[in-house]
Amino acid sequence: MQSFIRPHLALALSALVFTAACSSVVRTTLPYPAVQSSSLLTQYVYALRAAEQRQIAYPDEPLWLRDEGGRSVDTSLNADNAAMVFYALANGGPGNERITSEILQTLPPMLQRYEQAYEKSQGKWYQDEYVETIGVQLAMLSLLPAKLANQATSKSSLIAKANEMAKSEQLNAPARERLQVLVRRYG
């Protein structure tokens, strides 16, 4: 009888420990209310498509990262999110060619629109977005070198430009700090 109680006691204690551990787990949510796919690549592509559709609809007014409805831009333009996607594409299986192609065709025009908006405002607006475009480009050049052949000069000139901007008063303090982090991380 005593040998029967011990396994049940052990199971009961295990169940209590497991329940306590599971209740303290923090569940992450997507930073935007898009289709919740289990695939990081798919989520990123959906966010990129949504941001592109918004930019096509309003080409003269790129959406701000923190605007209402700007969650797709916040997801697709964030350099750290993009870096995770580029890493997955670089280390993924053979089924990623279509996704890689779509991202590499869709992302550059979006980045260019933000660069143009920043330049058009003479550096007064879209500072955060512009800094993220630099980070996305650095992450792309660092993590997808095979897909972007002969880009070494582009990367070195982009790093030089970013370092210069990070030291100047052209950007506000938080944007300068973020740019410095991105250059260290992906440069």
N, C-alpha and C. Protein backbone atom coordinates (compact mmCIF):
# COMPACT_ATOMS: atom_id res chain seq x y z
N MET A 1 0.82 -1.20 0.00
CA MET A 1 0.00 0.00 0.00
C MET A 1 0.86 1.26 0.00
N GLN A 2 1.95 1.22 0.76
CA GLN A 2 2.81 2.38 0.86
C GLN A 2 3.47 2.68 -0.50
N SER A 3 3.83 1.65 -1.27
CA SER A 3 4.43 1.87 -2.59
C SER A 3 3.41 2.46 -3.55
N PHE A 4 2.11 2.24 -3.34
CA PHE A 4 1.06 2.80 -4.17
C PHE A 4 0.89 4.30 -3.89
N ILE A 5 1.06 4.72 -2.66
CA ILE A 5 0.87 6.12 -2.28
C ILE A 5 2.02 6.98 -2.81
N ARG A 6 3.23 6.50 -2.76
CA ARG A 6 4.38 7.30 -3.17
C ARG A 6 4.31 7.74 -4.64
N PRO A 7 3.99 6.85 -5.59
CA PRO A 7 3.90 7.33 -6.97
C PRO A 7 2.78 8.37 -7.14
N HIS A 8 1.64 8.16 -6.46
CA HIS A 8 0.55 9.13 -6.57
C HIS A 8 0.94 10.46 -5.94
N LEU A 9 1.64 10.42 -4.83
CA LEU A 9 2.10 11.64 -4.18
C LEU A 9 3.10 12.36 -5.09
N ALA A 10 3.98 11.61 -5.70
CA ALA A 10 4.95 12.21 -6.61
C ALA A 10 4.25 12.84 -7.82
N LEU A 11 3.24 12.16 -8.35
CA LEU A 11 2.49 12.71 -9.48
C LEU A 11 1.73 13.97 -9.07
N ALA A 12 1.13 13.93 -7.89
CA ALA A 12 0.38 15.09 -7.42
C ALA A 12 1.31 16.29 -7.21
N LEU A 13 2.47 16.05 -6.62
CA LEU A 13 3.43 17.14 -6.42
C LEU A 13 3.95 17.66 -7.75
N SER A 14 4.19 16.76 -8.68
CA SER A 14 4.63 17.18 -10.01
C SER A 14 3.58 18.04 -10.70
N ALA A 15 2.32 17.65 -10.55
CA ALA A 15 1.23 18.42 -11.15
C ALA A 15 1.14 19.81 -10.53
N LEU A 16 1.32 19.91 -9.23
CA LEU A 16 1.29 21.21 -8.57
C LEU A 16 2.45 22.10 -9.03
N VAL A 17 3.62 21.53 -9.10
CA VAL A 17 4.79 22.29 -9.56
C VAL A 17 4.61 22.74 -11.00
N PHE A 18 4.13 21.85 -11.86
CA PHE A 18 3.90 22.17 -13.26
C PHE A 18 2.85 23.28 -13.40
N THR A 19 1.77 23.19 -12.65
CA THR A 19 0.71 24.19 -12.70
C THR A 19 1.24 25.54 -12.24
N ALA A 20 2.01 25.54 -11.17
CA ALA A 20 2.57 26.80 -10.68
C ALA A 20 3.53 27.40 -11.70
N ALA A 21 4.33 26.57 -12.32
CA ALA A 21 5.29 27.05 -13.32
C ALA A 21 4.57 27.61 -14.54
N CYS A 22 3.53 26.94 -14.98
CA CYS A 22 2.79 27.39 -16.17
C CYS A 22 2.03 28.69 -15.91
N SER A 23 1.57 28.88 -14.71
CA SER A 23 0.80 30.09 -14.42
C SER A 23 1.69 31.32 -14.38
N SER A 24 2.99 31.15 -14.16
CA SER A 24 3.88 32.30 -14.11
C SER A 24 4.51 32.61 -15.47
N VAL A 25 4.22 31.83 -16.49
CA VAL A 25 4.77 32.06 -17.81
C VAL A 25 4.10 33.29 -18.42
N VAL A 26 4.91 34.19 -18.92
CA VAL A 26 4.39 35.37 -19.58
C VAL A 26 4.12 35.02 -21.03
N ARG A 27 2.93 35.29 -21.49
CA ARG A 27 2.58 35.00 -22.87
C ARG A 27 2.82 36.24 -23.71
N THR A 28 3.56 36.05 -24.77
CA THR A 28 3.84 37.19 -25.63
C THR A 28 2.72 37.34 -26.65
N THR A 29 2.49 38.56 -27.06
CA THR A 29 1.50 38.83 -28.09
C THR A 29 2.18 39.58 -29.21
N LEU A 30 1.55 39.55 -30.34
CA LEU A 30 2.09 40.28 -31.48
C LEU A 30 1.98 41.78 -31.23
N PRO A 31 2.92 42.56 -31.75
CA PRO A 31 2.86 44.01 -31.57
C PRO A 31 1.83 44.67 -32.48
N TYR A 32 1.06 43.91 -33.21
CA TYR A 32 0.02 44.44 -34.08
C TYR A 32 -1.11 43.42 -34.16
N PRO A 33 -2.33 43.87 -34.42
CA PRO A 33 -3.47 42.95 -34.42
C PRO A 33 -3.67 42.26 -35.76
N ALA A 34 -2.60 41.78 -36.37
CA ALA A 34 -2.69 41.12 -37.66
C ALA A 34 -3.02 39.64 -37.46
N VAL A 35 -3.04 38.91 -38.54
CA VAL A 35 -3.27 37.48 -38.48
C VAL A 35 -2.18 36.87 -37.62
N GLN A 36 -2.56 36.12 -36.61
CA GLN A 36 -1.58 35.55 -35.71
C GLN A 36 -1.12 34.20 -36.25
N SER A 37 -0.04 34.25 -37.01
CA SER A 37 0.54 33.06 -37.60
C SER A 37 1.65 32.56 -36.70
N SER A 38 1.89 31.27 -36.75
CA SER A 38 2.96 30.72 -35.93
C SER A 38 4.32 30.98 -36.56
N SER A 39 4.35 31.44 -37.76
CA SER A 39 5.60 31.65 -38.48
C SER A 39 6.02 33.12 -38.40
N LEU A 40 7.23 33.35 -37.91
CA LEU A 40 7.78 34.70 -37.85
C LEU A 40 7.86 35.31 -39.24
N LEU A 41 8.27 34.52 -40.21
CA LEU A 41 8.39 35.02 -41.58
C LEU A 41 7.03 35.46 -42.12
N THR A 42 6.03 34.65 -41.88
CA THR A 42 4.69 34.98 -42.37
C THR A 42 4.16 36.24 -41.71
N GLN A 43 4.38 36.37 -40.40
CA GLN A 43 3.95 37.58 -39.69
C GLN A 43 4.62 38.81 -40.26
N TYR A 44 5.91 38.69 -40.52
CA TYR A 44 6.65 39.83 -41.05
C TYR A 44 6.15 40.20 -42.45
N VAL A 45 5.92 39.20 -43.27
CA VAL A 45 5.43 39.46 -44.63
C VAL A 45 4.05 40.12 -44.58
N TYR A 46 3.16 39.67 -43.68
CA TYR A 46 1.84 40.31 -43.55
C TYR A 46 1.98 41.77 -43.13
N ALA A 47 2.87 42.04 -42.18
CA ALA A 47 3.08 43.42 -41.74
C ALA A 47 3.67 44.26 -42.86
N LEU A 48 4.60 43.69 -43.60
CA LEU A 48 5.22 44.40 -44.71
C LEU A 48 4.19 44.72 -45.80
N ARG A 49 3.34 43.77 -46.10
CA ARG A 49 2.29 44.00 -47.10
C ARG A 49 1.33 45.09 -46.65
N ALA A 50 0.94 45.07 -45.38
CA ALA A 50 0.02 46.09 -44.86
C ALA A 50 0.66 47.47 -44.91
N ALA A 51 1.92 47.56 -44.54
CA ALA A 51 2.62 48.84 -44.59
C ALA A 51 2.74 49.33 -46.02
N GLU A 52 3.03 48.42 -46.94
CA GLU A 52 3.16 48.81 -48.34
C GLU A 52 1.83 49.30 -48.90
N GLN A 53 0.73 48.62 -48.57
CA GLN A 53 -0.58 49.04 -49.05
C GLN A 53 -0.92 50.44 -48.54
N ARG A 54 -0.59 50.72 -47.30
CA ARG A 54 -0.84 52.04 -46.73
C ARG A 54 0.01 53.09 -47.45
N GLN A 55 1.26 52.75 -47.74
CA GLN A 55 2.12 53.71 -48.43
C GLN A 55 1.68 53.95 -49.87
N ILE A 56 1.18 52.92 -50.52
CA ILE A 56 0.69 53.08 -51.88
C ILE A 56 -0.55 53.97 -51.88
N ALA A 57 -1.40 53.79 -50.88
CA ALA A 57 -2.62 54.59 -50.79
C ALA A 57 -2.31 56.06 -50.48
N TYR A 58 -1.28 56.31 -49.69
CA TYR A 58 -0.91 57.67 -49.29
C TYR A 58 0.60 57.86 -49.51
N PRO A 59 1.04 57.98 -50.76
CA PRO A 59 2.48 58.02 -51.05
C PRO A 59 3.20 59.25 -50.49
N ASP A 60 2.48 60.35 -50.31
CA ASP A 60 3.13 61.57 -49.80
C ASP A 60 3.15 61.65 -48.28
N GLU A 61 2.50 60.71 -47.62
CA GLU A 61 2.42 60.72 -46.16
C GLU A 61 2.77 59.35 -45.59
N PRO A 62 4.05 59.02 -45.50
CA PRO A 62 4.39 57.73 -44.88
C PRO A 62 3.86 57.69 -43.45
N LEU A 63 3.42 56.54 -43.04
CA LEU A 63 2.84 56.38 -41.71
C LEU A 63 3.94 56.43 -40.66
N TRP A 64 3.68 57.15 -39.59
CA TRP A 64 4.63 57.22 -38.49
C TRP A 64 4.63 55.89 -37.74
N LEU A 65 5.75 55.55 -37.16
CA LEU A 65 5.85 54.28 -36.43
C LEU A 65 4.83 54.18 -35.31
N ARG A 66 4.59 55.26 -34.63
CA ARG A 66 3.75 55.21 -33.42
C ARG A 66 2.32 55.67 -33.66
N ASP A 67 1.95 55.88 -34.91
CA ASP A 67 0.58 56.30 -35.22
C ASP A 67 -0.42 55.20 -34.96
N GLU A 68 -1.64 55.61 -34.76
CA GLU A 68 -2.75 54.66 -34.74
C GLU A 68 -2.77 53.99 -36.10
N GLY A 69 -2.74 52.69 -36.12
CA GLY A 69 -2.70 51.97 -37.38
C GLY A 69 -1.30 51.78 -37.92
N GLY A 70 -0.32 52.29 -37.22
CA GLY A 70 1.06 52.16 -37.68
C GLY A 70 1.75 50.92 -37.17
N ARG A 71 0.99 50.00 -36.62
CA ARG A 71 1.60 48.80 -36.06
C ARG A 71 2.29 47.95 -37.10
N SER A 72 1.74 47.91 -38.31
CA SER A 72 2.39 47.12 -39.35
C SER A 72 3.73 47.76 -39.72
N VAL A 73 3.78 49.08 -39.72
CA VAL A 73 5.03 49.77 -40.00
C VAL A 73 6.00 49.55 -38.85
N ASP A 74 5.51 49.63 -37.63
CA ASP A 74 6.35 49.42 -36.46
C ASP A 74 6.97 48.02 -36.48
N THR A 75 6.22 47.06 -36.96
CA THR A 75 6.72 45.69 -37.05
C THR A 75 7.70 45.50 -38.20
N SER A 76 7.35 45.99 -39.37
CA SER A 76 8.19 45.75 -40.54
C SER A 76 9.39 46.66 -40.62
N LEU A 77 9.31 47.86 -40.07
CA LEU A 77 10.41 48.80 -40.15
C LEU A 77 11.37 48.68 -38.98
N ASN A 78 10.98 47.99 -37.93
CA ASN A 78 11.86 47.81 -36.78
C ASN A 78 13.06 46.96 -37.17
N ALA A 79 14.24 47.50 -36.98
CA ALA A 79 15.47 46.82 -37.42
C ALA A 79 15.67 45.49 -36.71
N ASP A 80 15.29 45.40 -35.45
CA ASP A 80 15.48 44.15 -34.72
C ASP A 80 14.53 43.06 -35.22
N ASN A 81 13.29 43.43 -35.52
CA ASN A 81 12.37 42.46 -36.13
C ASN A 81 12.89 42.00 -37.48
N ALA A 82 13.33 42.96 -38.28
CA ALA A 82 13.85 42.61 -39.60
C ALA A 82 15.08 41.71 -39.49
N ALA A 83 15.93 41.98 -38.52
CA ALA A 83 17.13 41.16 -38.35
C ALA A 83 16.77 39.72 -38.03
N MET A 84 15.75 39.52 -37.18
CA MET A 84 15.31 38.14 -36.88
C MET A 84 14.82 37.45 -38.14
N VAL A 85 14.09 38.18 -38.96
CA VAL A 85 13.57 37.62 -40.21
C VAL A 85 14.71 37.31 -41.16
N PHE A 86 15.66 38.23 -41.30
CA PHE A 86 16.80 37.99 -42.20
C PHE A 86 17.62 36.81 -41.73
N TYR A 87 17.77 36.69 -40.42
CA TYR A 87 18.51 35.55 -39.87
C TYR A 87 17.79 34.24 -40.21
N ALA A 88 16.47 34.24 -40.04
CA ALA A 88 15.69 33.04 -40.37
C ALA A 88 15.80 32.71 -41.86
N LEU A 89 15.78 33.73 -42.69
CA LEU A 89 15.90 33.49 -44.14
C LEU A 89 17.28 32.97 -44.51
N ALA A 90 18.30 33.51 -43.87
CA ALA A 90 19.66 33.08 -44.16
C ALA A 90 19.93 31.66 -43.68
N ASN A 91 19.27 31.25 -42.62
CA ASN A 91 19.52 29.94 -42.03
C ASN A 91 18.37 28.96 -42.25
N GLY A 92 17.40 29.37 -43.04
CA GLY A 92 16.23 28.53 -43.24
C GLY A 92 16.40 27.50 -44.34
N GLY A 93 15.35 26.79 -44.55
CA GLY A 93 15.35 25.72 -45.54
C GLY A 93 15.10 26.23 -46.94
N PRO A 94 14.96 25.30 -47.85
CA PRO A 94 14.81 25.65 -49.27
C PRO A 94 13.47 26.29 -49.61
N GLY A 95 12.49 26.25 -48.73
CA GLY A 95 11.17 26.81 -49.02
C GLY A 95 11.08 28.31 -48.84
N ASN A 96 12.17 28.97 -48.49
CA ASN A 96 12.13 30.40 -48.18
C ASN A 96 12.44 31.31 -49.36
N GLU A 97 12.71 30.77 -50.52
CA GLU A 97 13.09 31.61 -51.66
C GLU A 97 11.98 32.59 -52.04
N ARG A 98 10.76 32.13 -52.04
CA ARG A 98 9.62 33.00 -52.39
C ARG A 98 9.48 34.14 -51.39
N ILE A 99 9.59 33.82 -50.11
CA ILE A 99 9.47 34.85 -49.07
C ILE A 99 10.64 35.83 -49.16
N THR A 100 11.84 35.30 -49.36
CA THR A 100 13.02 36.15 -49.49
C THR A 100 12.85 37.10 -50.66
N SER A 101 12.40 36.58 -51.78
CA SER A 101 12.20 37.40 -52.96
C SER A 101 11.17 38.50 -52.70
N GLU A 102 10.05 38.15 -52.06
CA GLU A 102 9.02 39.15 -51.78
C GLU A 102 9.54 40.24 -50.84
N ILE A 103 10.26 39.84 -49.80
CA ILE A 103 10.79 40.82 -48.85
C ILE A 103 11.81 41.73 -49.53
N LEU A 104 12.69 41.16 -50.32
CA LEU A 104 13.73 41.95 -50.98
C LEU A 104 13.19 42.85 -52.09
N GLN A 105 11.99 42.55 -52.58
CA GLN A 105 11.35 43.43 -53.58
C GLN A 105 10.50 44.50 -52.92
N THR A 106 9.87 44.16 -51.79
CA THR A 106 8.94 45.08 -51.15
C THR A 106 9.62 46.06 -50.20
N LEU A 107 10.62 45.60 -49.48
CA LEU A 107 11.23 46.42 -48.43
C LEU A 107 12.00 47.64 -48.96
N PRO A 108 12.85 47.53 -49.97
CA PRO A 108 13.62 48.71 -50.41
C PRO A 108 12.77 49.93 -50.80
N PRO A 109 11.67 49.78 -51.56
CA PRO A 109 10.87 50.98 -51.86
C PRO A 109 10.26 51.62 -50.60
N MET A 110 9.89 50.78 -49.63
CA MET A 110 9.34 51.32 -48.39
C MET A 110 10.41 52.12 -47.64
N LEU A 111 11.62 51.55 -47.56
CA LEU A 111 12.72 52.25 -46.89
C LEU A 111 13.03 53.57 -47.61
N GLN A 112 12.99 53.54 -48.91
CA GLN A 112 13.27 54.74 -49.70
C GLN A 112 12.24 55.83 -49.45
N ARG A 113 10.97 55.46 -49.29
CA ARG A 113 9.94 56.46 -49.01
C ARG A 113 10.21 57.18 -47.69
N TYR A 114 10.66 56.42 -46.69
CA TYR A 114 10.97 57.05 -45.40
C TYR A 114 12.22 57.91 -45.48
N GLU A 115 13.20 57.50 -46.24
CA GLU A 115 14.39 58.33 -46.43
C GLU A 115 14.01 59.64 -47.12
N GLN A 116 13.17 59.56 -48.13
CA GLN A 116 12.73 60.75 -48.84
C GLN A 116 11.90 61.67 -47.93
N ALA A 117 11.04 61.09 -47.12
CA ALA A 117 10.23 61.90 -46.20
C ALA A 117 11.12 62.61 -45.19
N TYR A 118 12.15 61.93 -44.71
CA TYR A 118 13.10 62.53 -43.77
C TYR A 118 13.86 63.68 -44.45
N GLU A 119 14.35 63.43 -45.65
CA GLU A 119 15.09 64.46 -46.38
C GLU A 119 14.20 65.64 -46.76
N LYS A 120 12.96 65.36 -47.14
CA LYS A 120 12.02 66.42 -47.53
C LYS A 120 11.75 67.36 -46.36
N SER A 121 11.73 66.80 -45.15
CA SER A 121 11.49 67.63 -43.96
C SER A 121 12.79 68.26 -43.44
N GLN A 122 13.88 68.04 -44.16
CA GLN A 122 15.20 68.53 -43.77
C GLN A 122 15.60 68.03 -42.38
N GLY A 123 15.24 66.80 -42.11
CA GLY A 123 15.63 66.15 -40.86
C GLY A 123 14.76 66.47 -39.67
N LYS A 124 13.67 67.21 -39.85
CA LYS A 124 12.81 67.58 -38.72
C LYS A 124 11.84 66.48 -38.35
N TRP A 125 11.36 65.73 -39.34
CA TRP A 125 10.37 64.69 -39.11
C TRP A 125 10.94 63.34 -39.51
N TYR A 126 10.26 62.32 -39.10
CA TYR A 126 10.60 60.94 -39.46
C TYR A 126 12.01 60.54 -39.02
N GLN A 127 12.49 61.10 -37.93
CA GLN A 127 13.82 60.74 -37.45
C GLN A 127 13.88 59.29 -36.99
N ASP A 128 12.90 58.87 -36.20
CA ASP A 128 12.89 57.48 -35.72
C ASP A 128 12.78 56.50 -36.88
N GLU A 129 11.91 56.83 -37.82
CA GLU A 129 11.72 55.96 -38.98
C GLU A 129 12.99 55.89 -39.83
N TYR A 130 13.64 57.03 -40.00
CA TYR A 130 14.87 57.06 -40.79
C TYR A 130 15.97 56.25 -40.13
N VAL A 131 16.10 56.37 -38.83
CA VAL A 131 17.10 55.58 -38.09
C VAL A 131 16.82 54.09 -38.26
N GLU A 132 15.55 53.70 -38.19
CA GLU A 132 15.21 52.29 -38.38
C GLU A 132 15.50 51.82 -39.79
N THR A 133 15.32 52.71 -40.80
CA THR A 133 15.65 52.30 -42.16
C THR A 133 17.15 51.99 -42.29
N ILE A 134 17.96 52.78 -41.61
CA ILE A 134 19.41 52.52 -41.63
C ILE A 134 19.69 51.18 -40.96
N GLY A 135 19.04 50.94 -39.82
CA GLY A 135 19.22 49.67 -39.12
C GLY A 135 18.77 48.47 -39.94
N VAL A 136 17.65 48.61 -40.62
CA VAL A 136 17.15 47.51 -41.47
C VAL A 136 18.15 47.23 -42.58
N GLN A 137 18.67 48.28 -43.20
CA GLN A 137 19.64 48.08 -44.28
C GLN A 137 20.91 47.42 -43.76
N LEU A 138 21.39 47.86 -42.60
CA LEU A 138 22.58 47.24 -42.02
C LEU A 138 22.34 45.77 -41.69
N ALA A 139 21.17 45.48 -41.12
CA ALA A 139 20.84 44.09 -40.79
C ALA A 139 20.74 43.25 -42.06
N MET A 140 20.15 43.80 -43.10
CA MET A 140 20.02 43.09 -44.36
C MET A 140 21.39 42.79 -44.95
N LEU A 141 22.26 43.79 -44.95
CA LEU A 141 23.60 43.61 -45.52
C LEU A 141 24.45 42.67 -44.68
N SER A 142 24.20 42.63 -43.37
CA SER A 142 24.98 41.75 -42.48
C SER A 142 24.50 40.31 -42.53
N LEU A 143 23.19 40.13 -42.58
CA LEU A 143 22.63 38.78 -42.43
C LEU A 143 22.28 38.10 -43.75
N LEU A 144 22.18 38.85 -44.80
CA LEU A 144 21.85 38.26 -46.11
C LEU A 144 22.91 38.59 -47.16
N PRO A 145 24.20 38.45 -46.83
CA PRO A 145 25.22 38.84 -47.82
C PRO A 145 25.18 38.01 -49.09
N ALA A 146 24.80 36.75 -48.99
CA ALA A 146 24.75 35.89 -50.18
C ALA A 146 23.65 36.35 -51.14
N LYS A 147 22.55 36.88 -50.59
CA LYS A 147 21.44 37.33 -51.42
C LYS A 147 21.70 38.72 -52.00
N LEU A 148 22.63 39.45 -51.40
CA LEU A 148 22.93 40.82 -51.81
C LEU A 148 24.42 40.91 -52.20
N ALA A 149 24.79 40.22 -53.24
CA ALA A 149 26.20 40.15 -53.64
C ALA A 149 26.74 41.54 -53.97
N ASN A 150 28.04 41.71 -53.77
CA ASN A 150 28.76 42.95 -54.09
C ASN A 150 28.22 44.17 -53.36
N GLN A 151 27.85 44.02 -52.10
CA GLN A 151 27.31 45.14 -51.34
C GLN A 151 28.26 45.63 -50.24
N ALA A 152 29.50 45.16 -50.25
CA ALA A 152 30.44 45.53 -49.19
C ALA A 152 30.67 47.04 -49.15
N THR A 153 30.78 47.69 -50.30
CA THR A 153 30.99 49.14 -50.31
C THR A 153 29.76 49.87 -49.80
N SER A 154 28.59 49.36 -50.12
CA SER A 154 27.36 49.97 -49.62
C SER A 154 27.32 49.92 -48.11
N LYS A 155 27.70 48.79 -47.55
CA LYS A 155 27.67 48.64 -46.10
C LYS A 155 28.66 49.58 -45.43
N SER A 156 29.87 49.66 -45.95
CA SER A 156 30.87 50.53 -45.32
C SER A 156 30.46 52.00 -45.42
N SER A 157 29.90 52.42 -46.55
CA SER A 157 29.46 53.82 -46.67
C SER A 157 28.24 54.09 -45.78
N LEU A 158 27.36 53.11 -45.64
CA LEU A 158 26.20 53.26 -44.76
C LEU A 158 26.64 53.36 -43.30
N ILE A 159 27.62 52.56 -42.91
CA ILE A 159 28.14 52.63 -41.54
C ILE A 159 28.80 53.98 -41.30
N ALA A 160 29.57 54.46 -42.25
CA ALA A 160 30.22 55.77 -42.10
C ALA A 160 29.18 56.88 -41.97
N LYS A 161 28.15 56.83 -42.79
CA LYS A 161 27.08 57.82 -42.74
C LYS A 161 26.36 57.75 -41.39
N ALA A 162 26.06 56.55 -40.93
CA ALA A 162 25.36 56.38 -39.65
C ALA A 162 26.21 56.86 -38.48
N ASN A 163 27.50 56.55 -38.51
CA ASN A 163 28.39 57.02 -37.44
C ASN A 163 28.47 58.54 -37.41
N GLU A 164 28.51 59.15 -38.57
CA GLU A 164 28.54 60.61 -38.65
C GLU A 164 27.25 61.21 -38.09
N MET A 165 26.12 60.64 -38.48
CA MET A 165 24.83 61.14 -37.98
C MET A 165 24.69 60.94 -36.47
N ALA A 166 25.19 59.82 -35.97
CA ALA A 166 25.07 59.53 -34.54
C ALA A 166 25.90 60.49 -33.70
N LYS A 167 26.92 61.07 -34.27
CA LYS A 167 27.77 62.02 -33.54
C LYS A 167 27.31 63.46 -33.71
N SER A 168 26.48 63.73 -34.69
CA SER A 168 26.05 65.10 -34.97
C SER A 168 24.80 65.45 -34.17
N GLU A 169 24.42 66.69 -34.28
CA GLU A 169 23.20 67.17 -33.63
C GLU A 169 22.01 67.13 -34.58
N GLN A 170 22.19 66.46 -35.70
CA GLN A 170 21.14 66.38 -36.72
C GLN A 170 19.91 65.63 -36.21
N LEU A 171 20.13 64.63 -35.36
CA LEU A 171 19.04 63.84 -34.80
C LEU A 171 18.83 64.20 -33.34
N ASN A 172 17.62 63.96 -32.84
CA ASN A 172 17.40 64.17 -31.41
C ASN A 172 18.12 63.08 -30.63
N ALA A 173 18.26 63.27 -29.34
CA ALA A 173 19.08 62.37 -28.51
C ALA A 173 18.62 60.92 -28.56
N PRO A 174 17.32 60.62 -28.40
CA PRO A 174 16.92 59.20 -28.47
C PRO A 174 17.20 58.55 -29.83
N ALA A 175 17.02 59.31 -30.90
CA ALA A 175 17.30 58.76 -32.24
C ALA A 175 18.80 58.52 -32.41
N ARG A 176 19.64 59.42 -31.90
CA ARG A 176 21.09 59.21 -31.96
C ARG A 176 21.50 57.97 -31.19
N GLU A 177 20.93 57.79 -30.00
CA GLU A 177 21.26 56.62 -29.18
C GLU A 177 20.83 55.34 -29.89
N ARG A 178 19.65 55.33 -30.47
CA ARG A 178 19.16 54.15 -31.19
C ARG A 178 20.07 53.86 -32.39
N LEU A 179 20.49 54.88 -33.09
CA LEU A 179 21.37 54.69 -34.24
C LEU A 179 22.70 54.09 -33.80
N GLN A 180 23.24 54.56 -32.71
CA GLN A 180 24.49 54.00 -32.19
C GLN A 180 24.33 52.52 -31.86
N VAL A 181 23.21 52.17 -31.24
CA VAL A 181 22.94 50.76 -30.92
C VAL A 181 22.86 49.93 -32.19
N LEU A 182 22.16 50.43 -33.19
CA LEU A 182 21.99 49.68 -34.44
C LEU A 182 23.32 49.49 -35.17
N VAL A 183 24.16 50.50 -35.16
CA VAL A 183 25.47 50.39 -35.82
C VAL A 183 26.32 49.35 -35.09
N ARG A 184 26.30 49.38 -33.76
CA ARG A 184 27.08 48.38 -33.00
C ARG A 184 26.53 46.97 -33.25
N ARG A 185 25.22 46.86 -33.31
CA ARG A 185 24.59 45.55 -33.44
C ARG A 185 24.73 44.95 -34.83
N TYR A 186 24.56 45.76 -35.87
CA TYR A 186 24.50 45.21 -37.23
C TYR A 186 25.61 45.70 -38.14
N GLY A 187 26.45 46.59 -37.65
CA GLY A 187 27.50 47.17 -38.48
C GLY A 187 28.70 46.30 -38.67
